[in-house]
N, C-alpha and C. Protein backbone atom coordinates (compact mmCIF):
# COMPACT_ATOMS: atom_id res chain seq x y z
N UNK A 1 0.76 -1.16 0.07
CA UNK A 1 0.22 -0.06 0.12
C UNK A 1 0.95 1.33 -0.03
N UNK A 2 0.59 2.10 -0.74
CA UNK A 2 1.21 3.43 -0.97
C UNK A 2 1.11 4.43 0.13
N UNK A 3 1.89 5.24 0.51
CA UNK A 3 1.79 6.12 1.71
C UNK A 3 2.48 7.52 0.96
N UNK A 4 2.27 8.71 1.65
CA UNK A 4 2.89 9.88 1.21
C UNK A 4 4.15 9.72 1.88
N UNK A 5 5.22 10.70 1.07
CA UNK A 5 6.28 10.87 1.50
C UNK A 5 6.36 11.78 3.05
N UNK A 6 7.45 11.94 3.48
CA UNK A 6 7.40 13.16 4.81
C UNK A 6 7.02 14.47 4.45
N UNK A 7 7.70 14.95 3.50
CA UNK A 7 7.57 16.13 2.73
C UNK A 7 6.04 16.55 2.16
N UNK A 8 5.45 15.11 1.82
CA UNK A 8 4.25 15.47 1.32
C UNK A 8 3.15 15.58 2.62
N UNK A 9 3.30 15.10 3.69
CA UNK A 9 2.58 14.70 4.84
C UNK A 9 2.75 16.37 5.47
N UNK A 10 3.67 17.01 5.27
CA UNK A 10 4.10 18.25 5.85
C UNK A 10 3.22 19.35 5.05
N UNK A 11 3.07 19.16 3.55
CA UNK A 11 2.42 20.03 2.88
C UNK A 11 0.96 19.81 3.02
N UNK A 12 0.69 18.45 3.34
CA UNK A 12 -0.89 18.15 3.53
C UNK A 12 -1.61 18.74 4.87
N UNK A 13 -0.49 18.82 5.72
CA UNK A 13 -1.03 19.52 7.20
C UNK A 13 -0.98 21.02 6.87
N UNK A 14 -0.35 21.64 5.90
CA UNK A 14 -0.44 23.03 5.76
C UNK A 14 -1.55 23.37 4.98
N UNK A 15 -1.92 22.43 4.05
CA UNK A 15 -3.14 22.73 3.23
C UNK A 15 -4.29 22.56 4.12
N UNK A 16 -4.31 21.56 4.95
CA UNK A 16 -5.67 21.08 5.72
C UNK A 16 -5.81 22.45 6.72
N UNK A 17 -4.67 22.97 7.23
CA UNK A 17 -4.74 24.02 8.21
C UNK A 17 -5.43 25.31 7.44
N UNK A 18 -4.99 25.44 6.27
CA UNK A 18 -5.50 26.69 5.30
C UNK A 18 -6.58 26.66 4.92
N UNK A 19 -7.20 25.01 4.69
CA UNK A 19 -8.47 24.89 4.16
C UNK A 19 -9.78 25.31 5.55
N UNK A 20 -9.16 24.79 6.71
CA UNK A 20 -9.97 25.07 7.52
C UNK A 20 -10.04 26.33 8.23
N UNK A 21 -9.00 27.03 8.11
CA UNK A 21 -9.11 28.53 8.20
C UNK A 21 -10.21 29.22 7.27
N UNK A 22 -10.01 29.00 5.80
CA UNK A 22 -11.13 29.74 5.05
C UNK A 22 -12.31 28.90 5.44
N UNK A 23 -12.55 27.80 5.78
CA UNK A 23 -13.89 27.52 6.22
C UNK A 23 -14.24 28.38 7.36
N UNK A 24 -13.71 28.13 8.59
CA UNK A 24 -13.96 28.86 9.69
C UNK A 24 -13.99 30.29 9.38
N UNK A 25 -13.27 30.94 8.70
CA UNK A 25 -13.42 32.45 8.43
C UNK A 25 -14.85 32.96 8.20
N UNK A 26 -15.55 32.15 7.44
CA UNK A 26 -16.73 32.45 6.93
C UNK A 26 -17.81 31.93 7.83
N UNK A 27 -17.48 30.44 8.45
CA UNK A 27 -18.58 30.05 8.99
C UNK A 27 -18.69 30.90 10.48
N UNK A 28 -17.66 31.26 11.10
CA UNK A 28 -17.36 31.89 12.67
C UNK A 28 -18.22 33.01 12.57
N UNK A 29 -18.37 33.89 11.84
CA UNK A 29 -19.17 34.89 11.96
C UNK A 29 -20.67 34.52 11.86
N UNK A 30 -20.82 33.60 11.05
CA UNK A 30 -22.48 33.21 10.84
C UNK A 30 -22.66 32.70 12.32
N UNK A 31 -22.15 31.60 12.90
CA UNK A 31 -22.32 31.19 14.20
C UNK A 31 -22.41 32.07 15.12
N UNK A 32 -21.86 33.28 15.40
CA UNK A 32 -21.96 34.16 16.45
C UNK A 32 -23.02 35.06 15.95
N UNK A 33 -23.47 35.18 14.72
CA UNK A 33 -24.86 35.72 14.63
C UNK A 33 -25.96 34.92 15.24
N UNK A 34 -25.91 33.78 14.95
CA UNK A 34 -27.01 32.77 15.54
C UNK A 34 -26.93 32.92 16.89
N UNK A 35 -25.85 32.73 17.47
CA UNK A 35 -25.72 32.85 19.22
C UNK A 35 -26.04 34.30 19.64
N UNK A 36 -25.88 35.21 18.70
CA UNK A 36 -26.29 36.48 19.64
C UNK A 36 -27.73 36.93 19.33
N UNK A 37 -28.33 35.87 18.52
CA UNK A 37 -29.64 36.40 18.21
C UNK A 37 -30.76 36.23 19.36
N UNK A 38 -32.00 36.88 19.37
CA UNK A 38 -32.99 36.93 20.21
C UNK A 38 -33.39 35.71 20.47
N UNK A 39 -33.56 35.30 21.79
CA UNK A 39 -34.40 33.92 21.74
C UNK A 39 -35.79 34.07 22.11
N UNK A 40 -36.54 33.26 21.29
CA UNK A 40 -37.97 33.12 21.55
C UNK A 40 -38.30 32.91 23.05
N UNK A 41 -39.06 33.65 23.59
CA UNK A 41 -39.67 33.72 24.89
C UNK A 41 -40.75 32.25 25.10
N UNK A 42 -40.41 31.55 26.05
CA UNK A 42 -41.20 30.38 26.25
C UNK A 42 -40.93 29.23 25.06
N UNK A 43 -40.03 29.14 24.32
CA UNK A 43 -39.63 28.23 23.48
C UNK A 43 -39.59 26.87 23.88
N UNK A 44 -39.94 25.93 23.18
CA UNK A 44 -40.48 24.63 23.39
C UNK A 44 -39.84 23.83 22.12
N UNK A 45 -39.14 22.73 22.32
CA UNK A 45 -38.53 21.70 21.27
C UNK A 45 -40.02 21.46 20.50
N UNK A 46 -40.93 20.79 21.31
CA UNK A 46 -42.36 20.28 20.78
C UNK A 46 -42.43 18.98 20.49
N UNK A 47 -43.00 18.44 19.83
CA UNK A 47 -43.56 16.88 19.36
C UNK A 47 -42.05 16.40 18.79
N UNK A 48 -41.30 15.76 19.88
CA UNK A 48 -40.09 15.06 19.45
C UNK A 48 -40.27 13.83 18.35
N UNK A 49 -41.30 13.21 18.55
CA UNK A 49 -41.57 12.11 17.54
C UNK A 49 -42.17 12.48 16.16
N UNK A 50 -42.81 13.50 16.21
CA UNK A 50 -43.09 14.28 14.83
C UNK A 50 -42.06 14.94 14.20
N UNK A 51 -41.13 15.40 15.09
CA UNK A 51 -39.79 16.37 14.41
C UNK A 51 -38.82 15.24 13.79
N UNK A 52 -38.98 14.12 14.53
CA UNK A 52 -37.96 13.15 14.24
C UNK A 52 -38.48 12.65 12.76
N UNK A 53 -39.68 12.30 12.73
CA UNK A 53 -40.45 11.63 11.47
C UNK A 53 -40.16 12.67 10.34
N UNK A 54 -40.21 13.99 10.55
CA UNK A 54 -40.09 14.74 9.52
C UNK A 54 -38.72 14.86 8.98
N UNK A 55 -37.85 14.80 10.17
CA UNK A 55 -36.28 15.04 9.66
C UNK A 55 -35.81 13.52 9.07
N UNK A 56 -36.25 12.50 9.29
CA UNK A 56 -35.86 11.38 8.49
C UNK A 56 -36.61 11.17 7.03
N UNK A 57 -37.92 11.87 6.92
CA UNK A 57 -38.75 11.56 5.65
C UNK A 57 -38.04 12.96 5.00
N UNK A 58 -38.00 14.14 5.35
CA UNK A 58 -37.30 15.09 4.59
C UNK A 58 -35.90 15.43 4.34
N UNK A 59 -35.09 15.08 5.18
CA UNK A 59 -33.59 15.01 5.15
C UNK A 59 -33.04 13.82 4.86
N UNK A 60 -33.02 12.71 5.76
CA UNK A 60 -32.56 11.60 5.21
C UNK A 60 -32.80 10.96 3.94
N UNK A 61 -34.29 10.84 3.98
CA UNK A 61 -34.96 10.05 2.79
C UNK A 61 -34.98 11.15 1.68
N UNK A 62 -34.85 12.49 1.81
CA UNK A 62 -34.94 13.64 0.75
C UNK A 62 -36.34 13.30 0.07
N UNK A 63 -37.54 12.78 0.97
CA UNK A 63 -38.71 12.58 0.27
C UNK A 63 -39.54 13.90 -0.51
N UNK A 64 -39.23 15.04 0.69
CA UNK A 64 -39.96 16.26 -0.01
C UNK A 64 -39.51 16.90 -1.37
N UNK A 65 -38.14 16.86 -1.36
CA UNK A 65 -37.78 17.41 -2.75
C UNK A 65 -37.85 16.48 -3.94
N UNK A 66 -38.05 15.16 -3.77
CA UNK A 66 -38.10 13.90 -4.53
C UNK A 66 -39.89 14.10 -4.94
N UNK A 67 -40.45 14.57 -4.17
CA UNK A 67 -41.94 14.53 -4.39
C UNK A 67 -42.50 16.03 -5.32
N UNK A 68 -41.60 16.95 -4.78
CA UNK A 68 -42.01 18.12 -5.49
C UNK A 68 -41.62 18.14 -6.95
N UNK A 69 -40.31 17.81 -7.18
CA UNK A 69 -39.47 17.62 -8.49
C UNK A 69 -38.79 15.99 -8.78
N UNK A 70 -39.50 15.14 -8.96
CA UNK A 70 -39.21 13.92 -9.20
C UNK A 70 -37.53 13.56 -9.78
N UNK A 71 -37.46 14.03 -11.00
CA UNK A 71 -36.17 13.68 -11.89
C UNK A 71 -34.80 14.56 -10.79
N UNK A 72 -35.05 15.91 -10.89
CA UNK A 72 -33.96 16.75 -10.32
C UNK A 72 -33.95 16.33 -8.69
N UNK A 73 -35.03 15.86 -8.10
CA UNK A 73 -35.08 15.45 -6.94
C UNK A 73 -34.15 14.39 -6.44
N UNK A 74 -34.48 13.22 -7.41
CA UNK A 74 -33.80 11.92 -7.17
C UNK A 74 -32.29 12.32 -7.36
N UNK A 75 -31.77 13.15 -8.44
CA UNK A 75 -30.47 13.52 -8.42
C UNK A 75 -29.79 14.13 -7.12
N UNK A 76 -30.73 15.09 -6.70
CA UNK A 76 -30.16 15.96 -5.52
C UNK A 76 -30.18 14.75 -4.48
N UNK A 77 -30.97 13.88 -4.42
CA UNK A 77 -31.11 12.80 -3.15
C UNK A 77 -29.65 12.15 -3.27
N UNK A 78 -29.44 11.60 -4.67
CA UNK A 78 -28.16 10.93 -4.72
C UNK A 78 -26.83 11.66 -4.35
N UNK A 79 -26.88 12.90 -4.65
CA UNK A 79 -25.61 13.59 -4.40
C UNK A 79 -25.52 13.64 -2.60
N UNK A 80 -26.82 13.95 -1.89
CA UNK A 80 -26.63 14.26 -0.58
C UNK A 80 -26.39 12.63 0.13
N UNK A 81 -27.01 11.65 -0.50
CA UNK A 81 -26.46 10.12 0.04
C UNK A 81 -25.29 9.84 -0.19
N UNK A 82 -24.63 10.24 -1.36
CA UNK A 82 -22.98 9.97 -1.70
C UNK A 82 -22.22 10.51 -0.69
N UNK A 83 -22.67 11.84 -0.54
CA UNK A 83 -21.67 12.52 0.54
C UNK A 83 -21.80 11.99 1.99
N UNK A 84 -22.78 11.29 2.22
CA UNK A 84 -22.94 10.57 3.67
C UNK A 84 -22.28 9.46 3.55
N UNK A 85 -22.13 8.99 2.39
CA UNK A 85 -21.45 7.46 2.33
C UNK A 85 -19.96 7.82 2.20
N UNK A 86 -19.64 9.06 1.71
CA UNK A 86 -18.14 9.16 1.47
C UNK A 86 -17.63 9.74 2.67
N UNK A 87 -18.29 10.31 3.78
CA UNK A 87 -17.70 10.49 5.18
C UNK A 87 -16.68 9.45 5.62
N UNK A 88 -16.84 8.36 5.49
CA UNK A 88 -16.07 7.36 6.06
C UNK A 88 -14.92 7.22 5.11
N UNK A 89 -15.24 7.01 3.65
CA UNK A 89 -14.26 7.05 2.78
C UNK A 89 -13.09 8.02 2.92
N UNK A 90 -13.60 9.33 3.18
CA UNK A 90 -12.78 10.74 3.17
C UNK A 90 -11.74 10.67 4.41
N UNK A 91 -12.34 10.25 5.61
CA UNK A 91 -11.47 10.09 6.73
C UNK A 91 -10.61 9.11 6.44
N UNK A 92 -10.74 7.81 5.80
CA UNK A 92 -9.96 6.87 5.51
C UNK A 92 -8.94 7.36 4.55
N UNK A 93 -9.26 8.10 3.61
CA UNK A 93 -8.37 8.74 2.28
C UNK A 93 -7.18 9.51 3.12
N UNK A 94 -7.63 10.36 4.06
CA UNK A 94 -6.52 10.98 4.80
C UNK A 94 -5.47 10.17 5.65
N UNK A 95 -6.49 9.17 6.30
CA UNK A 95 -5.59 8.53 7.18
C UNK A 95 -4.68 7.39 6.23
N UNK A 96 -4.87 7.20 5.24
CA UNK A 96 -4.25 6.42 4.49
C UNK A 96 -2.79 7.08 4.06
N UNK A 97 -3.23 8.18 3.72
CA UNK A 97 -2.08 9.35 3.48
C UNK A 97 -0.66 9.30 4.24
N UNK A 98 -1.01 9.35 5.63
CA UNK A 98 -0.16 9.42 6.49
C UNK A 98 0.21 7.72 7.05
N UNK A 99 -0.31 6.88 6.33
CA UNK A 99 0.05 5.31 6.80
C UNK A 99 -0.71 4.98 7.83
N UNK A 100 -1.80 5.61 8.15
CA UNK A 100 -2.83 4.92 9.05
C UNK A 100 -4.17 4.21 8.79
N UNK A 101 -4.36 3.94 7.55
CA UNK A 101 -5.45 3.28 7.11
C UNK A 101 -6.27 2.49 8.06
N UNK A 102 -7.91 2.53 8.07
CA UNK A 102 -8.63 1.87 8.97
C UNK A 102 -9.67 0.94 8.28
N UNK A 103 -9.68 1.10 6.94
CA UNK A 103 -10.29 0.40 6.11
C UNK A 103 -9.42 -0.33 5.06
N UNK A 104 -9.54 -1.52 4.64
CA UNK A 104 -8.85 -2.27 3.86
C UNK A 104 -9.62 -2.99 2.90
N UNK A 105 -9.14 -3.03 1.63
CA UNK A 105 -9.88 -3.68 0.48
C UNK A 105 -9.91 -5.34 0.88
N UNK A 106 -8.84 -5.82 1.39
CA UNK A 106 -8.91 -7.41 1.86
C UNK A 106 -9.74 -7.62 2.83
N UNK A 107 -10.36 -6.78 3.85
CA UNK A 107 -11.28 -7.07 4.56
C UNK A 107 -12.72 -7.14 4.23
N UNK A 108 -13.55 -7.89 4.75
CA UNK A 108 -14.84 -7.99 4.36
C UNK A 108 -15.89 -6.44 4.32
N UNK A 109 -15.46 -5.92 5.54
CA UNK A 109 -16.40 -4.80 5.75
C UNK A 109 -15.76 -3.62 4.67
N UNK A 110 -14.23 -3.63 4.72
CA UNK A 110 -13.64 -2.75 3.90
C UNK A 110 -14.08 -2.75 2.40
N UNK A 111 -13.99 -4.05 1.85
CA UNK A 111 -14.31 -4.27 0.41
C UNK A 111 -15.59 -4.03 0.03
N UNK A 112 -16.70 -4.30 1.06
CA UNK A 112 -18.04 -4.15 0.70
C UNK A 112 -18.20 -2.71 0.71
N UNK A 113 -17.61 -1.82 1.64
CA UNK A 113 -17.91 -0.50 1.83
C UNK A 113 -17.20 0.34 0.50
N UNK A 114 -15.97 -0.05 0.02
CA UNK A 114 -15.25 0.50 -0.94
C UNK A 114 -16.19 0.23 -2.25
N UNK A 115 -16.93 -0.84 -2.35
CA UNK A 115 -17.90 -1.11 -3.37
C UNK A 115 -18.93 -0.17 -3.57
N UNK A 116 -19.57 -0.33 -2.10
CA UNK A 116 -20.93 0.65 -2.17
C UNK A 116 -20.49 2.16 -2.42
N UNK A 117 -19.32 2.68 -1.87
CA UNK A 117 -19.04 3.97 -2.36
C UNK A 117 -18.80 4.26 -3.52
N UNK A 118 -18.07 3.02 -4.55
CA UNK A 118 -17.98 3.05 -6.11
C UNK A 118 -19.33 3.39 -6.77
N UNK A 119 -20.39 2.44 -6.54
CA UNK A 119 -21.78 2.56 -6.78
C UNK A 119 -22.32 4.07 -6.64
N UNK A 120 -22.06 4.58 -5.33
CA UNK A 120 -22.28 5.93 -5.24
C UNK A 120 -21.87 7.00 -5.95
N UNK A 121 -20.37 6.66 -6.06
CA UNK A 121 -19.75 7.73 -6.95
C UNK A 121 -20.14 7.98 -8.46
N UNK A 122 -20.95 6.31 -8.89
CA UNK A 122 -21.48 6.71 -10.18
C UNK A 122 -22.49 7.34 -10.11
N UNK A 123 -23.40 7.13 -8.97
CA UNK A 123 -24.65 7.83 -9.16
C UNK A 123 -24.64 9.16 -8.87
N UNK A 124 -23.63 9.67 -8.21
CA UNK A 124 -23.30 11.09 -7.84
C UNK A 124 -22.75 11.71 -8.90
N UNK A 125 -21.79 11.11 -9.93
CA UNK A 125 -21.48 11.80 -11.04
C UNK A 125 -22.38 11.72 -12.12
N UNK A 126 -23.25 10.84 -12.49
CA UNK A 126 -24.28 10.97 -13.07
C UNK A 126 -25.28 12.15 -12.92
N UNK A 127 -25.46 12.22 -11.65
CA UNK A 127 -26.22 13.49 -11.07
C UNK A 127 -26.15 14.64 -10.98
N UNK A 128 -24.57 14.75 -10.40
CA UNK A 128 -24.19 16.13 -10.67
C UNK A 128 -23.77 16.87 -11.91
N UNK A 129 -23.91 15.88 -12.96
CA UNK A 129 -23.73 16.17 -14.33
C UNK A 129 -24.99 16.61 -14.67
N UNK A 130 -25.99 15.85 -14.57
CA UNK A 130 -27.57 16.28 -14.82
C UNK A 130 -27.58 17.49 -14.05
N UNK A 131 -27.24 17.67 -12.98
CA UNK A 131 -27.99 18.97 -12.27
C UNK A 131 -27.32 20.22 -12.79
N UNK A 132 -25.60 20.13 -13.04
CA UNK A 132 -25.14 21.17 -13.69
C UNK A 132 -25.49 21.88 -15.01
N UNK A 133 -25.87 20.44 -15.81
CA UNK A 133 -26.59 20.66 -17.36
C UNK A 133 -27.64 21.46 -17.21
N UNK A 134 -28.68 21.23 -16.14
CA UNK A 134 -29.96 21.89 -16.06
C UNK A 134 -29.82 23.30 -15.41
N UNK A 135 -28.46 23.41 -14.78
CA UNK A 135 -28.26 25.00 -13.91
C UNK A 135 -27.83 25.79 -15.29
N UNK A 136 -26.75 25.24 -16.04
CA UNK A 136 -25.88 25.93 -16.54
C UNK A 136 -26.27 26.06 -18.28
N UNK A 137 -27.08 25.03 -18.48
CA UNK A 137 -27.59 25.05 -20.16
C UNK A 137 -29.07 25.26 -20.20
N UNK A 138 -30.13 24.26 -19.49
CA UNK A 138 -31.43 24.75 -19.56
C UNK A 138 -31.80 26.09 -19.01
N UNK A 139 -31.07 26.13 -17.59
CA UNK A 139 -31.34 27.30 -16.89
C UNK A 139 -32.94 27.53 -16.64
N UNK A 140 -33.60 26.95 -16.06
CA UNK A 140 -35.06 27.15 -15.55
C UNK A 140 -34.96 28.75 -15.13
N UNK A 141 -36.00 29.28 -15.34
CA UNK A 141 -36.03 30.61 -14.99
C UNK A 141 -36.18 30.78 -13.43
N UNK A 142 -36.86 30.05 -13.10
CA UNK A 142 -37.44 29.92 -11.67
C UNK A 142 -36.26 29.76 -10.52
N UNK A 143 -35.09 29.16 -11.15
CA UNK A 143 -33.84 28.80 -10.62
C UNK A 143 -33.30 30.15 -10.21
N UNK A 144 -33.36 31.16 -10.87
CA UNK A 144 -32.65 32.48 -10.66
C UNK A 144 -31.27 32.65 -11.37
N UNK A 145 -30.77 33.45 -10.92
CA UNK A 145 -29.66 34.01 -11.79
C UNK A 145 -28.55 32.84 -11.53
N UNK A 146 -27.76 32.58 -12.55
CA UNK A 146 -26.62 31.56 -12.78
C UNK A 146 -25.49 32.04 -11.50
N UNK A 147 -25.26 31.11 -10.56
CA UNK A 147 -24.09 31.46 -9.70
C UNK A 147 -22.84 30.75 -10.38
N UNK A 148 -21.56 31.35 -10.59
CA UNK A 148 -20.44 30.77 -11.13
C UNK A 148 -20.06 29.45 -9.79
N UNK A 149 -20.10 29.89 -8.49
CA UNK A 149 -19.80 29.10 -7.61
C UNK A 149 -20.37 27.93 -7.45
N UNK A 150 -21.58 27.74 -7.94
CA UNK A 150 -22.31 26.40 -8.12
C UNK A 150 -21.74 25.68 -9.44
N UNK A 151 -20.92 26.20 -10.28
CA UNK A 151 -20.34 25.46 -11.36
C UNK A 151 -18.85 24.92 -10.69
N UNK A 152 -18.37 25.58 -9.91
CA UNK A 152 -17.12 25.30 -9.34
C UNK A 152 -17.20 24.12 -8.42
N UNK A 153 -18.56 24.16 -7.39
CA UNK A 153 -18.79 23.13 -6.66
C UNK A 153 -19.19 21.81 -7.41
N UNK A 154 -19.98 21.94 -8.70
CA UNK A 154 -20.19 20.67 -9.37
C UNK A 154 -18.78 20.08 -9.85
N UNK A 155 -18.00 21.21 -10.35
CA UNK A 155 -16.63 20.69 -10.94
C UNK A 155 -15.85 19.79 -9.84
N UNK A 156 -16.08 20.36 -8.72
CA UNK A 156 -15.23 19.68 -7.38
C UNK A 156 -15.98 18.16 -7.30
N UNK A 157 -17.07 18.26 -7.04
CA UNK A 157 -17.71 16.91 -6.76
C UNK A 157 -17.67 15.80 -7.76
N UNK A 158 -17.62 16.38 -8.93
CA UNK A 158 -17.36 15.37 -10.18
C UNK A 158 -16.09 14.89 -10.10
N UNK A 159 -14.91 15.75 -9.87
CA UNK A 159 -13.55 15.38 -9.72
C UNK A 159 -13.32 14.41 -8.60
N UNK A 160 -14.29 14.62 -7.60
CA UNK A 160 -13.91 13.59 -6.25
C UNK A 160 -14.58 12.21 -6.51
N UNK A 161 -15.79 12.18 -7.53
CA UNK A 161 -16.15 10.95 -7.65
C UNK A 161 -15.26 10.29 -8.62
N UNK A 162 -14.85 11.12 -9.85
CA UNK A 162 -14.05 10.48 -10.87
C UNK A 162 -12.70 10.13 -10.22
N UNK A 163 -12.20 10.69 -9.46
CA UNK A 163 -10.79 10.12 -8.84
C UNK A 163 -10.78 9.16 -7.98
N UNK A 164 -11.93 8.95 -7.22
CA UNK A 164 -12.24 7.63 -6.43
C UNK A 164 -12.50 6.42 -7.24
N UNK A 165 -13.30 6.88 -8.64
CA UNK A 165 -13.61 5.49 -9.14
C UNK A 165 -12.40 5.16 -9.82
N UNK A 166 -11.57 6.06 -10.30
CA UNK A 166 -10.06 5.87 -11.06
C UNK A 166 -9.22 4.91 -10.10
N UNK A 167 -9.06 5.43 -8.79
CA UNK A 167 -8.36 4.74 -7.87
C UNK A 167 -9.28 3.35 -7.54
N UNK A 168 -10.30 3.09 -7.32
CA UNK A 168 -11.16 1.93 -7.05
C UNK A 168 -10.74 0.85 -8.16
N UNK A 169 -11.01 1.35 -9.45
CA UNK A 169 -10.88 0.54 -10.63
C UNK A 169 -9.38 0.12 -10.97
N UNK A 170 -8.54 1.07 -11.10
CA UNK A 170 -6.97 0.86 -11.47
C UNK A 170 -6.12 0.39 -10.42
N UNK A 171 -6.54 0.67 -8.75
CA UNK A 171 -5.60 0.49 -7.89
C UNK A 171 -4.22 0.84 -8.25
N UNK A 172 -3.78 1.82 -8.37
CA UNK A 172 -2.57 2.39 -9.00
C UNK A 172 -1.48 2.44 -7.94
N UNK A 173 -0.12 2.13 -8.23
CA UNK A 173 1.05 2.30 -7.46
C UNK A 173 1.97 3.55 -7.86
N UNK A 174 2.75 3.95 -7.10
CA UNK A 174 3.66 4.65 -7.22
C UNK A 174 3.66 5.97 -7.62
N UNK A 175 4.04 6.68 -8.72
CA UNK A 175 3.69 8.44 -8.97
C UNK A 175 2.19 8.24 -9.36
N UNK A 176 1.63 7.26 -10.00
CA UNK A 176 0.25 7.35 -10.37
C UNK A 176 -0.98 7.45 -9.30
N UNK A 177 -0.31 6.64 -8.21
CA UNK A 177 -1.42 6.77 -6.73
C UNK A 177 -1.02 8.10 -6.37
N UNK A 178 0.07 8.59 -6.16
CA UNK A 178 0.36 10.00 -5.49
C UNK A 178 -0.45 10.88 -6.59
N UNK A 179 -0.39 10.66 -7.82
CA UNK A 179 -1.15 11.63 -8.53
C UNK A 179 -2.76 11.73 -8.49
N UNK A 180 -3.28 10.74 -8.19
CA UNK A 180 -4.52 10.42 -7.98
C UNK A 180 -4.90 10.87 -6.28
N UNK A 181 -4.25 10.37 -5.67
CA UNK A 181 -4.45 10.85 -4.29
C UNK A 181 -4.42 12.29 -3.93
N UNK A 182 -3.46 12.95 -4.72
CA UNK A 182 -3.43 14.37 -4.48
C UNK A 182 -4.29 15.13 -5.09
N UNK A 183 -4.80 14.51 -6.54
CA UNK A 183 -6.28 15.20 -7.19
C UNK A 183 -7.47 14.97 -6.27
N UNK A 184 -7.37 13.72 -5.75
CA UNK A 184 -8.50 13.83 -4.73
C UNK A 184 -8.66 14.59 -3.63
N UNK A 185 -7.33 14.92 -3.14
CA UNK A 185 -7.36 15.66 -1.98
C UNK A 185 -7.44 17.21 -2.11
N UNK A 186 -6.83 17.69 -3.11
CA UNK A 186 -6.93 19.03 -3.39
C UNK A 186 -8.36 19.58 -3.68
N UNK A 187 -9.13 18.52 -4.33
CA UNK A 187 -10.56 18.70 -4.66
C UNK A 187 -11.39 18.89 -3.13
N UNK A 188 -11.04 17.83 -2.17
CA UNK A 188 -11.86 18.03 -0.85
C UNK A 188 -11.42 19.38 -0.14
N UNK A 189 -10.12 19.69 -0.39
CA UNK A 189 -9.35 21.12 0.63
C UNK A 189 -9.89 22.34 -0.20
N UNK A 190 -10.49 22.33 -1.55
CA UNK A 190 -10.69 23.41 -2.21
C UNK A 190 -12.23 23.39 -1.86
N UNK A 191 -12.98 22.31 -1.75
CA UNK A 191 -14.66 22.36 -1.61
C UNK A 191 -14.67 22.71 -0.08
N UNK A 192 -14.14 22.49 0.71
CA UNK A 192 -14.24 22.97 2.47
C UNK A 192 -14.57 24.41 2.48
N UNK A 193 -13.74 25.45 2.00
CA UNK A 193 -13.68 26.60 2.42
C UNK A 193 -14.87 27.14 1.59
N UNK A 194 -15.24 26.70 0.43
CA UNK A 194 -16.07 27.25 -0.66
C UNK A 194 -17.61 27.08 0.29
N UNK A 195 -17.73 26.01 0.97
CA UNK A 195 -19.19 25.72 1.42
C UNK A 195 -19.77 26.90 1.89
N UNK A 196 -19.27 27.65 3.14
CA UNK A 196 -19.90 28.81 3.59
C UNK A 196 -20.36 29.90 2.63
N UNK A 197 -19.66 29.81 1.56
CA UNK A 197 -19.79 30.91 0.59
C UNK A 197 -21.11 30.62 -0.21
N UNK A 198 -21.61 29.38 -0.48
CA UNK A 198 -22.56 29.09 -1.34
C UNK A 198 -23.76 28.55 -0.54
N UNK A 199 -24.97 28.04 -1.20
CA UNK A 199 -26.18 27.83 -0.70
C UNK A 199 -25.74 26.21 -0.04
N UNK A 200 -24.70 25.98 -0.26
CA UNK A 200 -24.31 24.42 0.67
C UNK A 200 -24.17 24.77 1.97
N UNK A 201 -24.29 26.06 2.37
CA UNK A 201 -24.10 26.07 3.88
C UNK A 201 -25.06 25.38 4.59
N UNK A 202 -26.19 25.52 4.02
CA UNK A 202 -27.36 24.81 4.72
C UNK A 202 -26.98 23.38 5.02
N UNK A 203 -26.12 22.77 4.18
CA UNK A 203 -25.74 21.38 4.73
C UNK A 203 -24.86 21.47 6.27
N UNK A 204 -24.40 22.46 6.48
CA UNK A 204 -23.49 22.42 7.77
C UNK A 204 -24.50 22.88 8.68
N UNK A 205 -25.27 23.91 8.60
CA UNK A 205 -26.33 24.45 9.62
C UNK A 205 -27.19 23.31 9.93
């Protein structure tokens, strides 16, 4: 299994710090505004069972967005589910770089999870391409003004999926592995500080 060279590890941590700084520089003020906001008198959480049900249906299952706009809704859902599935893959990706992987293709769970992530990667790649074509080519009027940041986000998501699939299918070694690993990593590190500047901030909140 390939790992990063010591100089690459140093560079990785520097880039991680810069990416995290860019993320918090925008998110920090948003959090402070929320914390300073006036509290509702007599606020109560309410019906926990109903709220949980709504969360599962509308957020986890993406039921509302699929019901309102079936085709774009399913594409949006695959992107959301894909990012949920890739959380573990992303952690393992960074851990692998520094020589501490916790998922292995030789183990039952690791081989199953990497295959599952590959299937999601295909679904996400197709979905984000379709959503980008709808946003920048079809341009439905009700979507509003075209935002260039949406195109950058779509490009980074597609890059993440394609680099993962290339690594999964080819199992590269040597310089090829380093090139793929860094391509995937730079897309991740570029994506993070962009999130709070776009509508994707709602994913964090």
